[in-house]
Amino acid sequence: SLSGETFKLSSSPMQSTPRPGWIIVLTGGSEQEGFSWTLYGIS
């Protein structure tokens, strides 16, 4: 993240790897398994 945090994301086949400036919302999961996520917006 821009604040320096690192996130392990569990991405579906239809999700592209998040790009710089994308605003994502973590919707579930854990640090160990990976977080599910959705795109919220683009900076």
All heavy atoms as atom14 arrays in JSON, in Angstrom:
{
  "sequence": "SLSGETFKLSSSPMQSTPRPGWIIVLTGGSEQEGFSWTLYGIS",
  "atom14_mask": [
    [1, 1, 1, 1, 1, 1, 0, 0, 0, 0, 0, 0, 0, 0],
    [1, 1, 1, 1, 1, 1, 1, 1, 0, 0, 0, 0, 0, 0],
    [1, 1, 1, 1, 1, 1, 0, 0, 0, 0, 0, 0, 0, 0],
    [1, 1, 1, 1, 0, 0, 0, 0, 0, 0, 0, 0, 0, 0],
    [1, 1, 1, 1, 1, 1, 1, 1, 1, 0, 0, 0, 0, 0],
    [1, 1, 1, 1, 1, 1, 1, 0, 0, 0, 0, 0, 0, 0],
    [1, 1, 1, 1, 1, 1, 1, 1, 1, 1, 1, 0, 0, 0],
    [1, 1, 1, 1, 1, 1, 1, 1, 1, 0, 0, 0, 0, 0],
    [1, 1, 1, 1, 1, 1, 1, 1, 0, 0, 0, 0, 0, 0],
    [1, 1, 1, 1, 1, 1, 0, 0, 0, 0, 0, 0, 0, 0],
    [1, 1, 1, 1, 1, 1, 0, 0, 0, 0, 0, 0, 0, 0],
    [1, 1, 1, 1, 1, 1, 0, 0, 0, 0, 0, 0, 0, 0],
    [1, 1, 1, 1, 1, 1, 1, 0, 0, 0, 0, 0, 0, 0],
    [1, 1, 1, 1, 1, 1, 1, 1, 0, 0, 0, 0, 0, 0],
    [1, 1, 1, 1, 1, 1, 1, 1, 1, 0, 0, 0, 0, 0],
    [1, 1, 1, 1, 1, 1, 0, 0, 0, 0, 0, 0, 0, 0],
    [1, 1, 1, 1, 1, 1, 1, 0, 0, 0, 0, 0, 0, 0],
    [1, 1, 1, 1, 1, 1, 1, 0, 0, 0, 0, 0, 0, 0],
    [1, 1, 1, 1, 1, 1, 1, 1, 1, 1, 1, 0, 0, 0],
    [1, 1, 1, 1, 1, 1, 1, 0, 0, 0, 0, 0, 0, 0],
    [1, 1, 1, 1, 0, 0, 0, 0, 0, 0, 0, 0, 0, 0],
    [1, 1, 1, 1, 1, 1, 1, 1, 1, 1, 1, 1, 1, 1],
    [1, 1, 1, 1, 1, 1, 1, 1, 0, 0, 0, 0, 0, 0],
    [1, 1, 1, 1, 1, 1, 1, 1, 0, 0, 0, 0, 0, 0],
    [1, 1, 1, 1, 1, 1, 1, 0, 0, 0, 0, 0, 0, 0],
    [1, 1, 1, 1, 1, 1, 1, 1, 0, 0, 0, 0, 0, 0],
    [1, 1, 1, 1, 1, 1, 1, 0, 0, 0, 0, 0, 0, 0],
    [1, 1, 1, 1, 0, 0, 0, 0, 0, 0, 0, 0, 0, 0],
    [1, 1, 1, 1, 0, 0, 0, 0, 0, 0, 0, 0, 0, 0],
    [1, 1, 1, 1, 1, 1, 0, 0, 0, 0, 0, 0, 0, 0],
    [1, 1, 1, 1, 1, 1, 1, 1, 1, 0, 0, 0, 0, 0],
    [1, 1, 1, 1, 1, 1, 1, 1, 1, 0, 0, 0, 0, 0],
    [1, 1, 1, 1, 1, 1, 1, 1, 1, 0, 0, 0, 0, 0],
    [1, 1, 1, 1, 0, 0, 0, 0, 0, 0, 0, 0, 0, 0],
    [1, 1, 1, 1, 1, 1, 1, 1, 1, 1, 1, 0, 0, 0],
    [1, 1, 1, 1, 1, 1, 0, 0, 0, 0, 0, 0, 0, 0],
    [1, 1, 1, 1, 1, 1, 1, 1, 1, 1, 1, 1, 1, 1],
    [1, 1, 1, 1, 1, 1, 1, 0, 0, 0, 0, 0, 0, 0],
    [1, 1, 1, 1, 1, 1, 1, 1, 0, 0, 0, 0, 0, 0],
    [1, 1, 1, 1, 1, 1, 1, 1, 1, 1, 1, 1, 0, 0],
    [1, 1, 1, 1, 0, 0, 0, 0, 0, 0, 0, 0, 0, 0],
    [1, 1, 1, 1, 1, 1, 1, 1, 0, 0, 0, 0, 0, 0],
    [1, 1, 1, 1, 1, 1, 0, 0, 0, 0, 0, 0, 0, 0]
  ],
  "atom14_positions": [
    [[0.85, -1.19, 0.0], [0.0, 0.0, 0.0], [0.88, 1.24, 0.0], [2.09, 1.17, 0.27], [-0.91, 0.01, 1.23], [-0.17, 0.28, 2.39], [0.0, 0.0, 0.0], [0.0, 0.0, 0.0], [0.0, 0.0, 0.0], [0.0, 0.0, 0.0], [0.0, 0.0, 0.0], [0.0, 0.0, 0.0], [0.0, 0.0, 0.0], [0.0, 0.0, 0.0]],
    [[0.29, 2.38, -0.28], [1.03, 3.64, -0.24], [1.56, 3.94, 1.16], [2.57, 4.62, 1.31], [0.16, 4.8, -0.72], [-0.13, 4.85, -2.22], [-1.01, 6.05, -2.55], [1.16, 4.9, -3.03], [0.0, 0.0, 0.0], [0.0, 0.0, 0.0], [0.0, 0.0, 0.0], [0.0, 0.0, 0.0], [0.0, 0.0, 0.0], [0.0, 0.0, 0.0]],
    [[0.89, 3.39, 2.17], [1.35, 3.61, 3.56], [2.42, 2.6, 3.98], [2.88, 2.64, 5.12], [0.16, 3.58, 4.51], [-0.46, 2.31, 4.48], [0.0, 0.0, 0.0], [0.0, 0.0, 0.0], [0.0, 0.0, 0.0], [0.0, 0.0, 0.0], [0.0, 0.0, 0.0], [0.0, 0.0, 0.0], [0.0, 0.0, 0.0], [0.0, 0.0, 0.0]],
    [[2.81, 1.69, 3.08], [3.9, 0.76, 3.36], [3.48, -0.61, 3.85], [4.32, -1.48, 4.05], [0.0, 0.0, 0.0], [0.0, 0.0, 0.0], [0.0, 0.0, 0.0], [0.0, 0.0, 0.0], [0.0, 0.0, 0.0], [0.0, 0.0, 0.0], [0.0, 0.0, 0.0], [0.0, 0.0, 0.0], [0.0, 0.0, 0.0], [0.0, 0.0, 0.0]],
    [[2.19, -0.84, 4.05], [1.72, -2.16, 4.47], [1.78, -3.13, 3.3], [1.56, -2.74, 2.16], [0.29, -2.08, 4.99], [0.11, -1.21, 6.2], [-1.36, -1.0, 6.51], [-2.02, -0.27, 5.76], [-1.81, -1.59, 7.51], [0.0, 0.0, 0.0], [0.0, 0.0, 0.0], [0.0, 0.0, 0.0], [0.0, 0.0, 0.0], [0.0, 0.0, 0.0]],
    [[2.04, -4.4, 3.59], [2.04, -5.43, 2.56], [0.85, -6.34, 2.8], [0.59, -6.75, 3.93], [3.35, -6.25, 2.62], [4.44, -5.36, 2.42], [3.38, -7.31, 1.54], [0.0, 0.0, 0.0], [0.0, 0.0, 0.0], [0.0, 0.0, 0.0], [0.0, 0.0, 0.0], [0.0, 0.0, 0.0], [0.0, 0.0, 0.0], [0.0, 0.0, 0.0]],
    [[0.12, -6.64, 1.73], [-1.06, -7.5, 1.81], [-0.93, -8.68, 0.86], [-0.55, -8.51, -0.29], [-2.33, -6.73, 1.42], [-2.67, -5.59, 2.34], [-2.36, -4.29, 1.97], [-3.26, -5.81, 3.56], [-2.67, -3.23, 2.79], [-3.57, -4.75, 4.4], [-3.27, -3.46, 4.01], [0.0, 0.0, 0.0], [0.0, 0.0, 0.0], [0.0, 0.0, 0.0]],
    [[-1.26, -9.85, 1.37], [-1.37, -11.06, 0.56], [-2.83, -11.16, 0.15], [-3.72, -11.23, 1.01], [-0.94, -12.27, 1.41], [-1.06, -13.59, 0.72], [-0.6, -14.68, 1.7], [-0.84, -16.05, 1.19], [-0.45, -17.08, 2.18], [0.0, 0.0, 0.0], [0.0, 0.0, 0.0], [0.0, 0.0, 0.0], [0.0, 0.0, 0.0], [0.0, 0.0, 0.0]],
    [[-3.09, -11.1, -1.16], [-4.46, -11.11, -1.66], [-4.78, -12.43, -2.35], [-3.98, -12.93, -3.14], [-4.65, -9.97, -2.67], [-4.31, -8.57, -2.19], [-4.44, -7.59, -3.35], [-5.2, -8.16, -1.03], [0.0, 0.0, 0.0], [0.0, 0.0, 0.0], [0.0, 0.0, 0.0], [0.0, 0.0, 0.0], [0.0, 0.0, 0.0], [0.0, 0.0, 0.0]],
    [[-5.92, -12.98, -2.06], [-6.41, -14.18, -2.73], [-7.27, -13.71, -3.9], [-8.39, -13.25, -3.7], [-7.22, -15.02, -1.75], [-7.72, -16.16, -2.39], [0.0, 0.0, 0.0], [0.0, 0.0, 0.0], [0.0, 0.0, 0.0], [0.0, 0.0, 0.0], [0.0, 0.0, 0.0], [0.0, 0.0, 0.0], [0.0, 0.0, 0.0], [0.0, 0.0, 0.0]],
    [[-6.73, -13.8, -5.1], [-7.4, -13.24, -6.28], [-8.08, -14.32, -7.11], [-7.54, -15.41, -7.3], [-6.39, -12.49, -7.15], [-5.85, -11.4, -6.43], [0.0, 0.0, 0.0], [0.0, 0.0, 0.0], [0.0, 0.0, 0.0], [0.0, 0.0, 0.0], [0.0, 0.0, 0.0], [0.0, 0.0, 0.0], [0.0, 0.0, 0.0], [0.0, 0.0, 0.0]],
    [[-9.25, -14.0, -7.61], [-9.99, -14.93, -8.46], [-9.42, -14.9, -9.88], [-8.67, -13.98, -10.23], [-11.48, -14.55, -8.48], [-11.69, -13.45, -9.34], [0.0, 0.0, 0.0], [0.0, 0.0, 0.0], [0.0, 0.0, 0.0], [0.0, 0.0, 0.0], [0.0, 0.0, 0.0], [0.0, 0.0, 0.0], [0.0, 0.0, 0.0], [0.0, 0.0, 0.0]],
    [[-9.79, -15.86, -10.7], [-9.28, -15.86, -12.08], [-9.67, -14.61, -12.87], [-8.95, -14.21, -13.78], [-9.93, -17.1, -12.71], [-10.3, -17.97, -11.57], [-10.6, -17.05, -10.44], [0.0, 0.0, 0.0], [0.0, 0.0, 0.0], [0.0, 0.0, 0.0], [0.0, 0.0, 0.0], [0.0, 0.0, 0.0], [0.0, 0.0, 0.0], [0.0, 0.0, 0.0]],
    [[-10.75, -13.97, -12.52], [-11.21, -12.8, -13.26], [-10.68, -11.48, -12.7], [-11.04, -10.41, -13.17], [-12.74, -12.77, -13.3], [-13.33, -13.91, -14.07], [-12.75, -13.83, -15.78], [-12.96, -15.5, -16.29], [0.0, 0.0, 0.0], [0.0, 0.0, 0.0], [0.0, 0.0, 0.0], [0.0, 0.0, 0.0], [0.0, 0.0, 0.0], [0.0, 0.0, 0.0]],
    [[-9.82, -11.54, -11.68], [-9.24, -10.33, -11.11], [-7.81, -10.14, -11.61], [-6.99, -11.05, -11.49], [-9.23, -10.39, -9.58], [-10.59, -10.23, -8.95], [-10.54, -10.35, -7.45], [-10.04, -11.33, -6.91], [-11.06, -9.34, -6.75], [0.0, 0.0, 0.0], [0.0, 0.0, 0.0], [0.0, 0.0, 0.0], [0.0, 0.0, 0.0], [0.0, 0.0, 0.0]],
    [[-7.54, -8.98, -12.15], [-6.17, -8.63, -12.53], [-5.4, -8.26, -11.26], [-5.99, -7.86, -10.26], [-6.15, -7.43, -13.48], [-6.75, -7.75, -14.7], [0.0, 0.0, 0.0], [0.0, 0.0, 0.0], [0.0, 0.0, 0.0], [0.0, 0.0, 0.0], [0.0, 0.0, 0.0], [0.0, 0.0, 0.0], [0.0, 0.0, 0.0], [0.0, 0.0, 0.0]],
    [[-4.09, -8.37, -11.31], [-3.27, -7.93, -10.19], [-3.49, -6.43, -9.99], [-3.42, -5.67, -10.95], [-1.78, -8.2, -10.48], [-1.62, -9.61, -10.69], [-0.9, -7.73, -9.35], [0.0, 0.0, 0.0], [0.0, 0.0, 0.0], [0.0, 0.0, 0.0], [0.0, 0.0, 0.0], [0.0, 0.0, 0.0], [0.0, 0.0, 0.0], [0.0, 0.0, 0.0]],
    [[-3.79, -5.99, -8.76], [-4.01, -4.57, -8.52], [-2.81, -3.73, -8.95], [-1.66, -4.11, -8.76], [-4.22, -4.48, -7.01], [-4.73, -5.83, -6.63], [-3.99, -6.77, -7.53], [0.0, 0.0, 0.0], [0.0, 0.0, 0.0], [0.0, 0.0, 0.0], [0.0, 0.0, 0.0], [0.0, 0.0, 0.0], [0.0, 0.0, 0.0], [0.0, 0.0, 0.0]],
    [[-3.1, -2.59, -9.55], [-2.07, -1.69, -10.07], [-1.93, -0.47, -9.16], [-2.85, -0.13, -8.41], [-2.46, -1.24, -11.47], [-2.47, -2.4, -12.44], [-2.58, -1.93, -13.88], [-2.51, -3.06, -14.76], [-3.54, -3.55, -15.44], [-4.72, -2.99, -15.34], [-3.37, -4.6, -16.23], [0.0, 0.0, 0.0], [0.0, 0.0, 0.0], [0.0, 0.0, 0.0]],
    [[-0.78, 0.21, -9.24], [-0.6, 1.42, -8.43], [-1.74, 2.42, -8.64], [-2.17, 2.65, -9.77], [0.73, 1.99, -8.94], [1.49, 0.79, -9.42], [0.43, -0.1, -10.03], [0.0, 0.0, 0.0], [0.0, 0.0, 0.0], [0.0, 0.0, 0.0], [0.0, 0.0, 0.0], [0.0, 0.0, 0.0], [0.0, 0.0, 0.0], [0.0, 0.0, 0.0]],
    [[-2.25, 2.94, -7.52], [-3.34, 3.89, -7.57], [-4.71, 3.27, -7.4], [-5.68, 3.98, -7.14], [0.0, 0.0, 0.0], [0.0, 0.0, 0.0], [0.0, 0.0, 0.0], [0.0, 0.0, 0.0], [0.0, 0.0, 0.0], [0.0, 0.0, 0.0], [0.0, 0.0, 0.0], [0.0, 0.0, 0.0], [0.0, 0.0, 0.0], [0.0, 0.0, 0.0]],
    [[-4.81, 1.95, -7.52], [-6.1, 1.3, -7.3], [-6.43, 1.36, -5.81], [-5.57, 1.14, -4.96], [-6.07, -0.15, -7.72], [-6.1, -0.39, -9.2], [-5.8, 0.5, -10.19], [-6.42, -1.61, -9.85], [-5.92, -0.1, -11.41], [-6.3, -1.4, -11.23], [-6.8, -2.86, -9.39], [-6.56, -2.39, -12.17], [-7.05, -3.86, -10.32], [-6.94, -3.63, -11.69]],
    [[-7.68, 1.64, -5.5], [-8.15, 1.62, -4.12], [-8.93, 0.33, -3.95], [-9.91, 0.09, -4.66], [-9.03, 2.84, -3.83], [-8.24, 4.13, -4.09], [-9.55, 2.79, -2.39], [-9.11, 5.37, -4.16], [0.0, 0.0, 0.0], [0.0, 0.0, 0.0], [0.0, 0.0, 0.0], [0.0, 0.0, 0.0], [0.0, 0.0, 0.0], [0.0, 0.0, 0.0]],
    [[-8.44, -0.53, -3.06], [-9.08, -1.83, -2.87], [-9.65, -1.92, -1.46], [-9.17, -1.27, -0.53], [-8.11, -3.0, -3.13], [-6.9, -2.96, -2.2], [-7.65, -2.99, -4.59], [-6.01, -4.2, -2.28], [0.0, 0.0, 0.0], [0.0, 0.0, 0.0], [0.0, 0.0, 0.0], [0.0, 0.0, 0.0], [0.0, 0.0, 0.0], [0.0, 0.0, 0.0]],
    [[-10.7, -2.73, -1.34], [-11.31, -2.99, -0.04], [-11.13, -4.48, 0.24], [-11.46, -5.32, -0.6], [-12.82, -2.64, -0.06], [-13.48, -3.04, 1.25], [-13.03, -1.16, -0.33], [0.0, 0.0, 0.0], [0.0, 0.0, 0.0], [0.0, 0.0, 0.0], [0.0, 0.0, 0.0], [0.0, 0.0, 0.0], [0.0, 0.0, 0.0], [0.0, 0.0, 0.0]],
    [[-10.56, -4.79, 1.4], [-10.41, -6.18, 1.82], [-11.75, -6.65, 2.35], [-12.33, -6.01, 3.24], [-9.32, -6.31, 2.87], [-7.95, -5.73, 2.47], [-6.95, -5.89, 3.62], [-7.43, -6.34, 1.2], [0.0, 0.0, 0.0], [0.0, 0.0, 0.0], [0.0, 0.0, 0.0], [0.0, 0.0, 0.0], [0.0, 0.0, 0.0], [0.0, 0.0, 0.0]],
    [[-12.27, -7.75, 1.81], [-13.63, -8.17, 2.14], [-13.69, -9.44, 2.99], [-14.78, -9.88, 3.34], [-14.45, -8.39, 0.86], [-13.8, -9.36, 0.04], [-14.6, -7.09, 0.08], [0.0, 0.0, 0.0], [0.0, 0.0, 0.0], [0.0, 0.0, 0.0], [0.0, 0.0, 0.0], [0.0, 0.0, 0.0], [0.0, 0.0, 0.0], [0.0, 0.0, 0.0]],
    [[-12.57, -10.03, 3.31], [-12.56, -11.24, 4.14], [-11.19, -11.88, 4.08], [-10.27, -11.38, 3.44], [0.0, 0.0, 0.0], [0.0, 0.0, 0.0], [0.0, 0.0, 0.0], [0.0, 0.0, 0.0], [0.0, 0.0, 0.0], [0.0, 0.0, 0.0], [0.0, 0.0, 0.0], [0.0, 0.0, 0.0], [0.0, 0.0, 0.0], [0.0, 0.0, 0.0]],
    [[-11.06, -13.01, 4.76], [-9.81, -13.74, 4.73], [-8.91, -13.39, 5.89], [-9.33, -12.82, 6.89], [0.0, 0.0, 0.0], [0.0, 0.0, 0.0], [0.0, 0.0, 0.0], [0.0, 0.0, 0.0], [0.0, 0.0, 0.0], [0.0, 0.0, 0.0], [0.0, 0.0, 0.0], [0.0, 0.0, 0.0], [0.0, 0.0, 0.0], [0.0, 0.0, 0.0]],
    [[-7.63, -13.76, 5.74], [-6.66, -13.54, 6.81], [-5.27, -13.34, 6.21], [-5.06, -13.57, 5.02], [-6.62, -14.76, 7.73], [-6.09, -15.88, 7.04], [0.0, 0.0, 0.0], [0.0, 0.0, 0.0], [0.0, 0.0, 0.0], [0.0, 0.0, 0.0], [0.0, 0.0, 0.0], [0.0, 0.0, 0.0], [0.0, 0.0, 0.0], [0.0, 0.0, 0.0]],
    [[-4.33, -12.93, 7.06], [-2.95, -12.75, 6.59], [-2.36, -14.07, 6.11], [-1.59, -14.1, 5.16], [-2.09, -12.17, 7.72], [-2.4, -10.73, 8.03], [-1.49, -10.17, 9.1], [-0.33, -10.6, 9.18], [-1.97, -9.31, 9.85], [0.0, 0.0, 0.0], [0.0, 0.0, 0.0], [0.0, 0.0, 0.0], [0.0, 0.0, 0.0], [0.0, 0.0, 0.0]],
    [[-2.71, -15.17, 6.76], [-2.16, -16.46, 6.41], [-2.74, -16.98, 5.08], [-2.0, -17.45, 4.22], [-2.42, -17.51, 7.5], [-1.63, -17.26, 8.77], [-2.23, -16.15, 9.62], [-3.44, -15.89, 9.56], [-1.4, -15.48, 10.39], [0.0, 0.0, 0.0], [0.0, 0.0, 0.0], [0.0, 0.0, 0.0], [0.0, 0.0, 0.0], [0.0, 0.0, 0.0]],
    [[-4.04, -16.94, 4.93], [-4.72, -17.48, 3.76], [-4.75, -16.5, 2.58], [-4.9, -16.91, 1.44], [-6.17, -17.86, 4.11], [-6.28, -18.92, 5.17], [-5.79, -20.27, 4.67], [-6.08, -20.62, 3.51], [-5.11, -20.95, 5.45], [0.0, 0.0, 0.0], [0.0, 0.0, 0.0], [0.0, 0.0, 0.0], [0.0, 0.0, 0.0], [0.0, 0.0, 0.0]],
    [[-4.63, -15.24, 2.88], [-4.8, -14.2, 1.87], [-6.17, -13.57, 2.01], [-7.14, -14.23, 2.39], [0.0, 0.0, 0.0], [0.0, 0.0, 0.0], [0.0, 0.0, 0.0], [0.0, 0.0, 0.0], [0.0, 0.0, 0.0], [0.0, 0.0, 0.0], [0.0, 0.0, 0.0], [0.0, 0.0, 0.0], [0.0, 0.0, 0.0], [0.0, 0.0, 0.0]],
    [[-6.24, -12.29, 1.72], [-7.5, -11.55, 1.84], [-8.24, -11.55, 0.51], [-7.63, -11.38, -0.55], [-7.23, -10.09, 2.23], [-6.67, -9.92, 3.6], [-5.31, -9.71, 3.8], [-7.5, -9.96, 4.72], [-4.79, -9.55, 5.07], [-6.99, -9.8, 5.99], [-5.62, -9.6, 6.18], [0.0, 0.0, 0.0], [0.0, 0.0, 0.0], [0.0, 0.0, 0.0]],
    [[-9.56, -11.74, 0.57], [-10.37, -11.5, -0.61], [-10.5, -9.98, -0.73], [-10.39, -9.26, 0.26], [-11.73, -12.2, -0.5], [-12.38, -11.84, 0.68], [0.0, 0.0, 0.0], [0.0, 0.0, 0.0], [0.0, 0.0, 0.0], [0.0, 0.0, 0.0], [0.0, 0.0, 0.0], [0.0, 0.0, 0.0], [0.0, 0.0, 0.0], [0.0, 0.0, 0.0]],
    [[-10.73, -9.5, -1.95], [-10.74, -8.05, -2.15], [-11.63, -7.67, -3.32], [-11.99, -8.49, -4.14], [-9.32, -7.54, -2.38], [-8.67, -8.09, -3.63], [-8.07, -9.31, -3.76], [-8.6, -7.46, -4.9], [-7.63, -9.48, -5.04], [-7.93, -8.36, -5.77], [-9.03, -6.24, -5.41], [-7.69, -8.06, -7.11], [-8.79, -5.95, -6.74], [-8.12, -6.85, -7.57]],
    [[-11.97, -6.39, -3.35], [-12.72, -5.84, -4.47], [-12.15, -4.45, -4.8], [-11.64, -3.77, -3.91], [-14.23, -5.78, -4.17], [-14.94, -5.45, -5.35], [-14.55, -4.77, -3.08], [0.0, 0.0, 0.0], [0.0, 0.0, 0.0], [0.0, 0.0, 0.0], [0.0, 0.0, 0.0], [0.0, 0.0, 0.0], [0.0, 0.0, 0.0], [0.0, 0.0, 0.0]],
    [[-12.25, -4.1, -6.05], [-11.8, -2.77, -6.48], [-12.85, -1.75, -6.06], [-14.03, -1.9, -6.36], [-11.62, -2.75, -7.99], [-11.23, -1.41, -8.62], [-9.86, -0.97, -8.13], [-11.24, -1.52, -10.14], [0.0, 0.0, 0.0], [0.0, 0.0, 0.0], [0.0, 0.0, 0.0], [0.0, 0.0, 0.0], [0.0, 0.0, 0.0], [0.0, 0.0, 0.0]],
    [[-12.41, -0.71, -5.35], [-13.32, 0.34, -4.89], [-13.23, 1.57, -5.79], [-14.22, 2.23, -6.04], [-12.98, 0.71, -3.45], [-13.86, 1.79, -2.88], [-15.16, 1.52, -2.51], [-13.37, 3.08, -2.73], [-15.97, 2.53, -1.99], [-14.17, 4.08, -2.2], [-15.47, 3.8, -1.85], [-16.27, 4.79, -1.35], [0.0, 0.0, 0.0], [0.0, 0.0, 0.0]],
    [[-12.04, 1.87, -6.28], [-11.85, 3.05, -7.11], [-10.42, 3.16, -7.59], [-9.58, 2.32, -7.28], [0.0, 0.0, 0.0], [0.0, 0.0, 0.0], [0.0, 0.0, 0.0], [0.0, 0.0, 0.0], [0.0, 0.0, 0.0], [0.0, 0.0, 0.0], [0.0, 0.0, 0.0], [0.0, 0.0, 0.0], [0.0, 0.0, 0.0], [0.0, 0.0, 0.0]],
    [[-10.14, 4.21, -8.34], [-8.81, 4.47, -8.85], [-8.44, 5.89, -8.5], [-9.18, 6.83, -8.83], [-8.73, 4.23, -10.38], [-9.09, 2.76, -10.68], [-7.36, 4.57, -10.92], [-9.18, 2.44, -12.15], [0.0, 0.0, 0.0], [0.0, 0.0, 0.0], [0.0, 0.0, 0.0], [0.0, 0.0, 0.0], [0.0, 0.0, 0.0], [0.0, 0.0, 0.0]],
    [[-7.31, 6.06, -7.83], [-6.85, 7.38, -7.42], [-6.53, 8.24, -8.65], [-5.94, 7.78, -9.6], [-5.6, 7.23, -6.54], [-5.03, 8.48, -6.29], [0.0, 0.0, 0.0], [0.0, 0.0, 0.0], [0.0, 0.0, 0.0], [0.0, 0.0, 0.0], [0.0, 0.0, 0.0], [0.0, 0.0, 0.0], [0.0, 0.0, 0.0], [0.0, 0.0, 0.0]]
  ]
}
